[in-house]
Amino acid sequence: MELDWNQEDVKEDTYEAIPIGDYLAIVEDEESRDAKSGNGVVLILKFQIIDGKFKGRKISKLFNVRNESVKSETIGRSQLKSLSVACGRPTEKNTLNLQAIPVMIRVGVGSDGRTEIKNFFNTKDYADKPPRMLTKAPGPITKTETPKKAWE
């Protein structure tokens, strides 16, 4: 492809991956689509970090809500239930009603080596859970530190 702009005028992408740790975030958008296999439906929730150094950054979470694999479907639905509980709406039937509610997300490393959302916590309950932030990621865990909570 012939580029029709001057590459010298374009800033290089310098975004670093969102580090492993806990972040205050909201669901800001959602999308559902057919699973890659064609035999299911995935729900993709898009989160925005709303506090701290990474305020404004976005990270998505995919939930298997219908899948021919009972195990995949069960995991996806359980993860979505965890988010509903963290939002203070444990019996919510419409994911649109989970948007704009602050929750703590725990970002970790997935099986593919990329960072992903691993867990959700209600902001009130989070005060009782130890925050996690690694000094380097991904890779072997060598040292941990206890940072300030995202809202401090």
N, C-alpha and C. Protein backbone atom coordinates (compact mmCIF):
# COMPACT_ATOMS: atom_id res chain seq x y z
N MET A 1 0.85 -1.18 0.00
CA MET A 1 0.00 0.00 0.00
C MET A 1 0.89 1.23 0.00
N GLU A 2 0.57 2.14 -0.84
CA GLU A 2 1.28 3.42 -0.91
C GLU A 2 0.66 4.34 0.14
N LEU A 3 1.46 4.85 1.05
CA LEU A 3 0.96 5.75 2.10
C LEU A 3 0.86 7.16 1.54
N ASP A 4 -0.27 7.81 1.79
CA ASP A 4 -0.47 9.15 1.24
C ASP A 4 -0.26 10.24 2.30
N TRP A 5 0.63 9.97 3.26
CA TRP A 5 0.98 10.97 4.26
C TRP A 5 2.48 10.87 4.52
N ASN A 6 3.00 11.91 5.14
CA ASN A 6 4.42 11.97 5.46
C ASN A 6 4.63 11.30 6.81
N GLN A 7 5.35 10.20 6.83
CA GLN A 7 5.58 9.45 8.07
C GLN A 7 6.33 10.29 9.11
N GLU A 8 7.10 11.27 8.70
CA GLU A 8 7.84 12.12 9.65
C GLU A 8 6.90 12.99 10.47
N ASP A 9 5.67 13.20 9.99
CA ASP A 9 4.70 14.04 10.69
C ASP A 9 3.83 13.26 11.67
N VAL A 10 4.02 11.94 11.73
CA VAL A 10 3.16 11.10 12.57
C VAL A 10 3.93 10.67 13.81
N LYS A 11 3.29 10.83 14.98
CA LYS A 11 3.91 10.39 16.23
C LYS A 11 3.88 8.87 16.32
N GLU A 12 4.94 8.31 16.85
CA GLU A 12 5.02 6.87 17.05
C GLU A 12 4.11 6.46 18.21
N ASP A 13 3.51 5.30 18.10
CA ASP A 13 2.65 4.78 19.17
C ASP A 13 3.53 4.45 20.37
N THR A 14 3.28 5.13 21.48
CA THR A 14 4.09 4.91 22.68
C THR A 14 3.27 4.36 23.84
N TYR A 15 2.02 3.94 23.56
CA TYR A 15 1.21 3.37 24.63
C TYR A 15 1.86 2.11 25.15
N GLU A 16 1.99 2.03 26.45
CA GLU A 16 2.46 0.79 27.06
C GLU A 16 1.22 -0.01 27.48
N ALA A 17 1.39 -1.31 27.55
CA ALA A 17 0.28 -2.15 28.01
C ALA A 17 -0.11 -1.72 29.42
N ILE A 18 -1.37 -1.86 29.74
CA ILE A 18 -1.81 -1.55 31.11
C ILE A 18 -1.16 -2.58 32.02
N PRO A 19 -0.36 -2.13 32.99
CA PRO A 19 0.35 -3.08 33.85
C PRO A 19 -0.59 -3.91 34.72
N ILE A 20 -0.07 -5.03 35.16
CA ILE A 20 -0.79 -5.88 36.09
C ILE A 20 -1.07 -5.07 37.35
N GLY A 21 -2.31 -5.14 37.83
CA GLY A 21 -2.68 -4.40 39.02
C GLY A 21 -4.18 -4.22 39.10
N ASP A 22 -4.61 -3.41 40.03
CA ASP A 22 -6.02 -3.15 40.29
C ASP A 22 -6.33 -1.71 39.89
N TYR A 23 -7.48 -1.52 39.22
CA TYR A 23 -7.84 -0.21 38.69
C TYR A 23 -9.32 0.06 38.90
N LEU A 24 -9.65 1.32 39.16
CA LEU A 24 -11.03 1.76 39.24
C LEU A 24 -11.50 2.02 37.80
N ALA A 25 -12.60 1.37 37.41
CA ALA A 25 -13.05 1.45 36.02
C ALA A 25 -14.57 1.39 35.94
N ILE A 26 -15.07 1.73 34.76
CA ILE A 26 -16.50 1.60 34.47
C ILE A 26 -16.66 0.87 33.13
N VAL A 27 -17.78 0.19 32.99
CA VAL A 27 -18.16 -0.34 31.68
C VAL A 27 -18.69 0.84 30.89
N GLU A 28 -18.10 1.08 29.71
CA GLU A 28 -18.57 2.23 28.94
C GLU A 28 -19.26 1.82 27.64
N ASP A 29 -19.08 0.59 27.22
CA ASP A 29 -19.72 0.17 25.97
C ASP A 29 -19.76 -1.36 25.93
N GLU A 30 -20.57 -1.88 25.06
CA GLU A 30 -20.65 -3.33 24.90
C GLU A 30 -20.98 -3.69 23.46
N GLU A 31 -20.65 -4.92 23.14
CA GLU A 31 -20.92 -5.44 21.80
C GLU A 31 -21.10 -6.94 21.93
N SER A 32 -22.06 -7.49 21.21
CA SER A 32 -22.18 -8.94 21.17
C SER A 32 -21.98 -9.36 19.72
N ARG A 33 -21.38 -10.54 19.55
CA ARG A 33 -21.15 -11.06 18.21
C ARG A 33 -21.08 -12.56 18.25
N ASP A 34 -21.14 -13.15 17.08
CA ASP A 34 -21.00 -14.60 16.99
C ASP A 34 -19.59 -15.00 17.41
N ALA A 35 -19.48 -16.13 18.09
CA ALA A 35 -18.17 -16.67 18.47
C ALA A 35 -17.41 -17.05 17.20
N LYS A 36 -16.08 -17.07 17.28
CA LYS A 36 -15.26 -17.42 16.12
C LYS A 36 -15.66 -18.77 15.53
N SER A 37 -16.07 -19.69 16.40
CA SER A 37 -16.46 -21.03 15.94
C SER A 37 -17.77 -20.99 15.15
N GLY A 38 -18.53 -19.92 15.31
CA GLY A 38 -19.83 -19.83 14.66
C GLY A 38 -20.92 -20.54 15.45
N ASN A 39 -20.56 -21.14 16.57
CA ASN A 39 -21.50 -21.91 17.38
C ASN A 39 -21.68 -21.31 18.76
N GLY A 40 -21.87 -20.01 18.82
CA GLY A 40 -22.07 -19.38 20.12
C GLY A 40 -22.11 -17.87 19.98
N VAL A 41 -22.24 -17.21 21.12
CA VAL A 41 -22.28 -15.75 21.17
C VAL A 41 -21.34 -15.29 22.27
N VAL A 42 -20.56 -14.25 21.95
CA VAL A 42 -19.70 -13.64 22.96
C VAL A 42 -20.18 -12.21 23.22
N LEU A 43 -20.04 -11.78 24.45
CA LEU A 43 -20.33 -10.42 24.85
C LEU A 43 -18.99 -9.77 25.15
N ILE A 44 -18.74 -8.63 24.53
CA ILE A 44 -17.49 -7.91 24.77
C ILE A 44 -17.85 -6.62 25.49
N LEU A 45 -17.37 -6.48 26.72
CA LEU A 45 -17.58 -5.25 27.48
C LEU A 45 -16.30 -4.43 27.43
N LYS A 46 -16.46 -3.16 27.16
CA LYS A 46 -15.32 -2.25 27.06
C LYS A 46 -15.29 -1.38 28.31
N PHE A 47 -14.19 -1.47 29.04
CA PHE A 47 -14.01 -0.75 30.29
C PHE A 47 -13.10 0.46 30.07
N GLN A 48 -13.36 1.51 30.82
CA GLN A 48 -12.48 2.67 30.84
C GLN A 48 -11.98 2.86 32.26
N ILE A 49 -10.67 2.98 32.42
CA ILE A 49 -10.08 3.27 33.73
C ILE A 49 -10.38 4.73 34.03
N ILE A 50 -10.88 4.99 35.24
CA ILE A 50 -11.36 6.35 35.56
C ILE A 50 -10.54 7.07 36.62
N ASP A 51 -9.41 6.48 37.03
CA ASP A 51 -8.59 7.14 38.04
C ASP A 51 -7.15 6.67 37.90
N GLY A 52 -6.23 7.45 38.41
CA GLY A 52 -4.83 7.06 38.46
C GLY A 52 -4.07 7.36 37.17
N LYS A 53 -2.87 6.86 37.10
CA LYS A 53 -1.95 7.12 35.99
C LYS A 53 -2.53 6.70 34.64
N PHE A 54 -3.34 5.66 34.64
CA PHE A 54 -3.88 5.13 33.39
C PHE A 54 -5.32 5.59 33.12
N LYS A 55 -5.73 6.67 33.80
CA LYS A 55 -7.07 7.23 33.60
C LYS A 55 -7.29 7.50 32.11
N GLY A 56 -8.46 7.06 31.64
CA GLY A 56 -8.80 7.26 30.23
C GLY A 56 -8.46 6.08 29.34
N ARG A 57 -7.57 5.20 29.81
CA ARG A 57 -7.21 4.01 29.02
C ARG A 57 -8.35 3.02 29.03
N LYS A 58 -8.40 2.20 27.98
CA LYS A 58 -9.50 1.25 27.82
C LYS A 58 -8.96 -0.16 27.75
N ILE A 59 -9.77 -1.08 28.25
CA ILE A 59 -9.45 -2.50 28.20
C ILE A 59 -10.77 -3.26 28.07
N SER A 60 -10.78 -4.29 27.25
CA SER A 60 -12.00 -5.05 27.00
C SER A 60 -11.96 -6.42 27.65
N LYS A 61 -13.13 -6.96 27.90
CA LYS A 61 -13.27 -8.30 28.46
C LYS A 61 -14.31 -9.05 27.64
N LEU A 62 -13.96 -10.24 27.19
CA LEU A 62 -14.85 -11.09 26.41
C LEU A 62 -15.47 -12.14 27.32
N PHE A 63 -16.79 -12.29 27.23
CA PHE A 63 -17.53 -13.28 28.01
C PHE A 63 -18.21 -14.24 27.04
N ASN A 64 -17.99 -15.54 27.19
CA ASN A 64 -18.73 -16.55 26.42
C ASN A 64 -20.10 -16.69 27.07
N VAL A 65 -21.14 -16.16 26.44
CA VAL A 65 -22.47 -16.25 27.04
C VAL A 65 -23.29 -17.40 26.45
N ARG A 66 -22.97 -17.80 25.23
CA ARG A 66 -23.54 -19.01 24.63
C ARG A 66 -22.42 -19.71 23.89
N ASN A 67 -22.23 -20.99 24.21
CA ASN A 67 -21.14 -21.73 23.61
C ASN A 67 -21.48 -23.22 23.59
N GLU A 68 -21.04 -23.90 22.55
CA GLU A 68 -21.30 -25.34 22.50
C GLU A 68 -20.53 -26.07 23.59
N SER A 69 -19.46 -25.47 24.08
CA SER A 69 -18.72 -26.03 25.21
C SER A 69 -19.40 -25.57 26.50
N VAL A 70 -19.96 -26.51 27.22
CA VAL A 70 -20.64 -26.18 28.48
C VAL A 70 -19.67 -25.51 29.45
N LYS A 71 -18.43 -25.98 29.48
CA LYS A 71 -17.42 -25.41 30.38
C LYS A 71 -17.16 -23.95 30.03
N SER A 72 -16.96 -23.63 28.74
CA SER A 72 -16.71 -22.24 28.33
C SER A 72 -17.89 -21.35 28.66
N GLU A 73 -19.09 -21.84 28.42
CA GLU A 73 -20.29 -21.06 28.71
C GLU A 73 -20.42 -20.82 30.22
N THR A 74 -20.16 -21.85 31.01
CA THR A 74 -20.25 -21.72 32.47
C THR A 74 -19.25 -20.71 32.99
N ILE A 75 -18.02 -20.75 32.48
CA ILE A 75 -16.99 -19.79 32.91
C ILE A 75 -17.41 -18.38 32.53
N GLY A 76 -17.85 -18.18 31.30
CA GLY A 76 -18.26 -16.85 30.85
C GLY A 76 -19.40 -16.29 31.67
N ARG A 77 -20.39 -17.12 31.94
CA ARG A 77 -21.53 -16.66 32.72
C ARG A 77 -21.14 -16.38 34.17
N SER A 78 -20.23 -17.17 34.72
CA SER A 78 -19.75 -16.93 36.09
C SER A 78 -18.98 -15.62 36.18
N GLN A 79 -18.17 -15.33 35.16
CA GLN A 79 -17.43 -14.07 35.15
C GLN A 79 -18.38 -12.88 35.06
N LEU A 80 -19.41 -13.02 34.24
CA LEU A 80 -20.40 -11.95 34.12
C LEU A 80 -21.17 -11.76 35.43
N LYS A 81 -21.44 -12.84 36.12
CA LYS A 81 -22.09 -12.77 37.43
C LYS A 81 -21.19 -12.02 38.42
N SER A 82 -19.87 -12.30 38.38
CA SER A 82 -18.93 -11.59 39.27
C SER A 82 -18.96 -10.09 39.02
N LEU A 83 -19.05 -9.70 37.75
CA LEU A 83 -19.16 -8.28 37.44
C LEU A 83 -20.47 -7.71 37.97
N SER A 84 -21.57 -8.42 37.79
CA SER A 84 -22.87 -7.95 38.28
C SER A 84 -22.85 -7.74 39.79
N VAL A 85 -22.24 -8.68 40.50
CA VAL A 85 -22.13 -8.56 41.96
C VAL A 85 -21.25 -7.35 42.32
N ALA A 86 -20.13 -7.17 41.61
CA ALA A 86 -19.24 -6.04 41.88
C ALA A 86 -19.95 -4.71 41.63
N CYS A 87 -20.88 -4.70 40.68
CA CYS A 87 -21.65 -3.48 40.38
C CYS A 87 -22.79 -3.26 41.38
N GLY A 88 -22.99 -4.22 42.29
CA GLY A 88 -24.08 -4.10 43.26
C GLY A 88 -25.43 -4.48 42.66
N ARG A 89 -25.41 -5.22 41.55
CA ARG A 89 -26.64 -5.65 40.88
C ARG A 89 -26.57 -7.14 40.57
N PRO A 90 -26.57 -7.97 41.60
CA PRO A 90 -26.33 -9.41 41.41
C PRO A 90 -27.38 -10.14 40.57
N THR A 91 -28.57 -9.58 40.44
CA THR A 91 -29.62 -10.26 39.65
C THR A 91 -29.95 -9.52 38.36
N GLU A 92 -29.09 -8.60 37.95
CA GLU A 92 -29.35 -7.79 36.75
C GLU A 92 -29.50 -8.67 35.52
N LYS A 93 -30.51 -8.39 34.71
CA LYS A 93 -30.79 -9.17 33.50
C LYS A 93 -30.36 -8.44 32.22
N ASN A 94 -29.98 -7.16 32.34
CA ASN A 94 -29.61 -6.38 31.17
C ASN A 94 -28.24 -5.75 31.40
N THR A 95 -27.26 -6.14 30.61
CA THR A 95 -25.89 -5.65 30.81
C THR A 95 -25.76 -4.15 30.58
N LEU A 96 -26.68 -3.55 29.86
CA LEU A 96 -26.63 -2.08 29.69
C LEU A 96 -26.74 -1.38 31.04
N ASN A 97 -27.41 -2.02 32.00
CA ASN A 97 -27.58 -1.43 33.33
C ASN A 97 -26.33 -1.55 34.21
N LEU A 98 -25.28 -2.19 33.69
CA LEU A 98 -24.01 -2.27 34.42
C LEU A 98 -23.05 -1.15 34.01
N GLN A 99 -23.44 -0.40 33.00
CA GLN A 99 -22.57 0.67 32.52
C GLN A 99 -22.52 1.84 33.49
N ALA A 100 -21.36 2.48 33.54
CA ALA A 100 -21.13 3.70 34.33
C ALA A 100 -21.14 3.47 35.84
N ILE A 101 -21.07 2.23 36.30
CA ILE A 101 -20.98 1.93 37.73
C ILE A 101 -19.52 1.65 38.05
N PRO A 102 -18.88 2.45 38.93
CA PRO A 102 -17.47 2.21 39.24
C PRO A 102 -17.26 0.85 39.92
N VAL A 103 -16.30 0.10 39.40
CA VAL A 103 -15.89 -1.19 39.97
C VAL A 103 -14.37 -1.25 39.93
N MET A 104 -13.82 -2.10 40.76
CA MET A 104 -12.38 -2.36 40.70
C MET A 104 -12.17 -3.55 39.77
N ILE A 105 -11.25 -3.40 38.83
CA ILE A 105 -10.89 -4.50 37.96
C ILE A 105 -9.47 -4.94 38.31
N ARG A 106 -9.23 -6.22 38.26
CA ARG A 106 -7.89 -6.75 38.49
C ARG A 106 -7.35 -7.21 37.13
N VAL A 107 -6.28 -6.58 36.70
CA VAL A 107 -5.66 -6.90 35.42
C VAL A 107 -4.51 -7.86 35.69
N GLY A 108 -4.47 -8.94 34.92
CA GLY A 108 -3.41 -9.94 35.04
C GLY A 108 -2.97 -10.37 33.65
N VAL A 109 -2.16 -11.42 33.59
CA VAL A 109 -1.66 -11.92 32.31
C VAL A 109 -2.46 -13.16 31.93
N GLY A 110 -2.98 -13.15 30.70
CA GLY A 110 -3.75 -14.28 30.19
C GLY A 110 -2.86 -15.38 29.67
N SER A 111 -3.47 -16.45 29.22
CA SER A 111 -2.72 -17.60 28.72
C SER A 111 -1.94 -17.28 27.45
N ASP A 112 -2.34 -16.21 26.75
CA ASP A 112 -1.63 -15.81 25.54
C ASP A 112 -0.51 -14.81 25.82
N GLY A 113 -0.27 -14.50 27.09
CA GLY A 113 0.80 -13.59 27.47
C GLY A 113 0.42 -12.12 27.45
N ARG A 114 -0.83 -11.82 27.07
CA ARG A 114 -1.29 -10.44 27.04
C ARG A 114 -2.05 -10.12 28.32
N THR A 115 -2.08 -8.82 28.67
CA THR A 115 -2.82 -8.45 29.87
C THR A 115 -4.32 -8.50 29.59
N GLU A 116 -5.07 -8.88 30.61
CA GLU A 116 -6.53 -9.00 30.50
C GLU A 116 -7.15 -8.81 31.88
N ILE A 117 -8.44 -8.54 31.89
CA ILE A 117 -9.17 -8.42 33.16
C ILE A 117 -9.38 -9.82 33.71
N LYS A 118 -8.95 -10.03 34.95
CA LYS A 118 -9.05 -11.33 35.60
C LYS A 118 -10.18 -11.41 36.61
N ASN A 119 -10.52 -10.26 37.25
CA ASN A 119 -11.52 -10.31 38.31
C ASN A 119 -12.13 -8.93 38.51
N PHE A 120 -13.25 -8.90 39.25
CA PHE A 120 -13.98 -7.67 39.54
C PHE A 120 -14.26 -7.60 41.04
N PHE A 121 -14.23 -6.39 41.60
CA PHE A 121 -14.53 -6.19 43.01
C PHE A 121 -15.42 -4.96 43.16
N ASN A 122 -16.36 -5.03 44.07
CA ASN A 122 -17.15 -3.87 44.44
C ASN A 122 -16.22 -2.89 45.13
N THR A 123 -16.36 -1.61 44.85
CA THR A 123 -15.44 -0.62 45.43
C THR A 123 -15.53 -0.60 46.95
N LYS A 124 -16.70 -0.91 47.52
CA LYS A 124 -16.83 -0.93 48.98
C LYS A 124 -16.09 -2.13 49.57
N ASP A 125 -16.20 -3.28 48.90
CA ASP A 125 -15.52 -4.48 49.38
C ASP A 125 -14.02 -4.44 49.12
N TYR A 126 -13.60 -3.66 48.15
CA TYR A 126 -12.20 -3.63 47.74
C TYR A 126 -11.29 -3.16 48.87
N ALA A 127 -11.80 -2.29 49.73
CA ALA A 127 -10.98 -1.77 50.83
C ALA A 127 -10.43 -2.90 51.70
N ASP A 128 -11.13 -4.05 51.73
CA ASP A 128 -10.70 -5.18 52.55
C ASP A 128 -9.77 -6.14 51.80
N LYS A 129 -9.57 -5.92 50.49
CA LYS A 129 -8.72 -6.81 49.70
C LYS A 129 -7.38 -6.14 49.45
N PRO A 130 -6.30 -6.90 49.51
CA PRO A 130 -4.98 -6.28 49.28
C PRO A 130 -4.81 -5.91 47.81
N PRO A 131 -4.39 -4.67 47.52
CA PRO A 131 -4.14 -4.31 46.12
C PRO A 131 -2.93 -5.06 45.60
N ARG A 132 -2.92 -5.29 44.29
CA ARG A 132 -1.80 -6.01 43.69
C ARG A 132 -1.22 -5.18 42.57
N MET A 133 0.06 -4.97 42.61
CA MET A 133 0.75 -4.28 41.54
C MET A 133 2.15 -4.87 41.48
N LEU A 134 2.54 -5.33 40.33
CA LEU A 134 3.86 -5.91 40.20
C LEU A 134 4.84 -4.87 39.69
N THR A 135 6.11 -5.07 40.03
CA THR A 135 7.10 -4.11 39.60
C THR A 135 7.47 -4.28 38.14
N LYS A 136 7.23 -5.45 37.57
CA LYS A 136 7.41 -5.62 36.14
C LYS A 136 6.47 -6.70 35.63
N ALA A 137 6.06 -6.56 34.38
CA ALA A 137 5.12 -7.51 33.81
C ALA A 137 5.17 -7.42 32.30
N PRO A 138 4.78 -8.46 31.57
CA PRO A 138 4.61 -9.80 32.04
C PRO A 138 5.95 -10.49 32.24
N GLY A 139 5.94 -11.67 32.68
CA GLY A 139 7.15 -12.42 32.96
C GLY A 139 7.06 -13.03 34.32
N PRO A 140 8.13 -13.64 34.77
CA PRO A 140 8.09 -14.25 36.09
C PRO A 140 7.89 -13.20 37.18
N ILE A 141 7.08 -13.53 38.13
CA ILE A 141 6.84 -12.63 39.24
C ILE A 141 8.02 -12.72 40.19
N THR A 142 8.68 -11.57 40.37
CA THR A 142 9.87 -11.58 41.21
C THR A 142 9.71 -10.75 42.48
N LYS A 143 8.94 -9.68 42.40
CA LYS A 143 8.80 -8.81 43.56
C LYS A 143 7.47 -8.09 43.46
N THR A 144 6.79 -7.92 44.58
CA THR A 144 5.55 -7.17 44.58
C THR A 144 5.69 -5.97 45.50
N GLU A 145 4.90 -4.96 45.21
CA GLU A 145 4.84 -3.81 46.09
C GLU A 145 3.39 -3.49 46.36
N THR A 146 3.13 -2.76 47.40
CA THR A 146 1.77 -2.40 47.74
C THR A 146 1.59 -0.92 47.42
N PRO A 147 0.94 -0.64 46.26
CA PRO A 147 0.73 0.76 45.89
C PRO A 147 -0.47 1.35 46.63
N LYS A 148 -0.61 2.67 46.49
CA LYS A 148 -1.82 3.29 47.00
C LYS A 148 -3.00 2.76 46.21
N LYS A 149 -4.17 2.74 46.83
CA LYS A 149 -5.37 2.35 46.12
C LYS A 149 -5.65 3.39 45.05
N ALA A 150 -6.29 2.97 43.96
CA ALA A 150 -6.50 3.82 42.80
C ALA A 150 -7.19 5.14 43.15
N TRP A 151 -8.04 5.13 44.16
CA TRP A 151 -8.78 6.34 44.48
C TRP A 151 -8.07 7.23 45.49
N GLU A 152 -6.89 6.83 45.96
CA GLU A 152 -6.15 7.66 46.92
C GLU A 152 -5.33 8.71 46.21
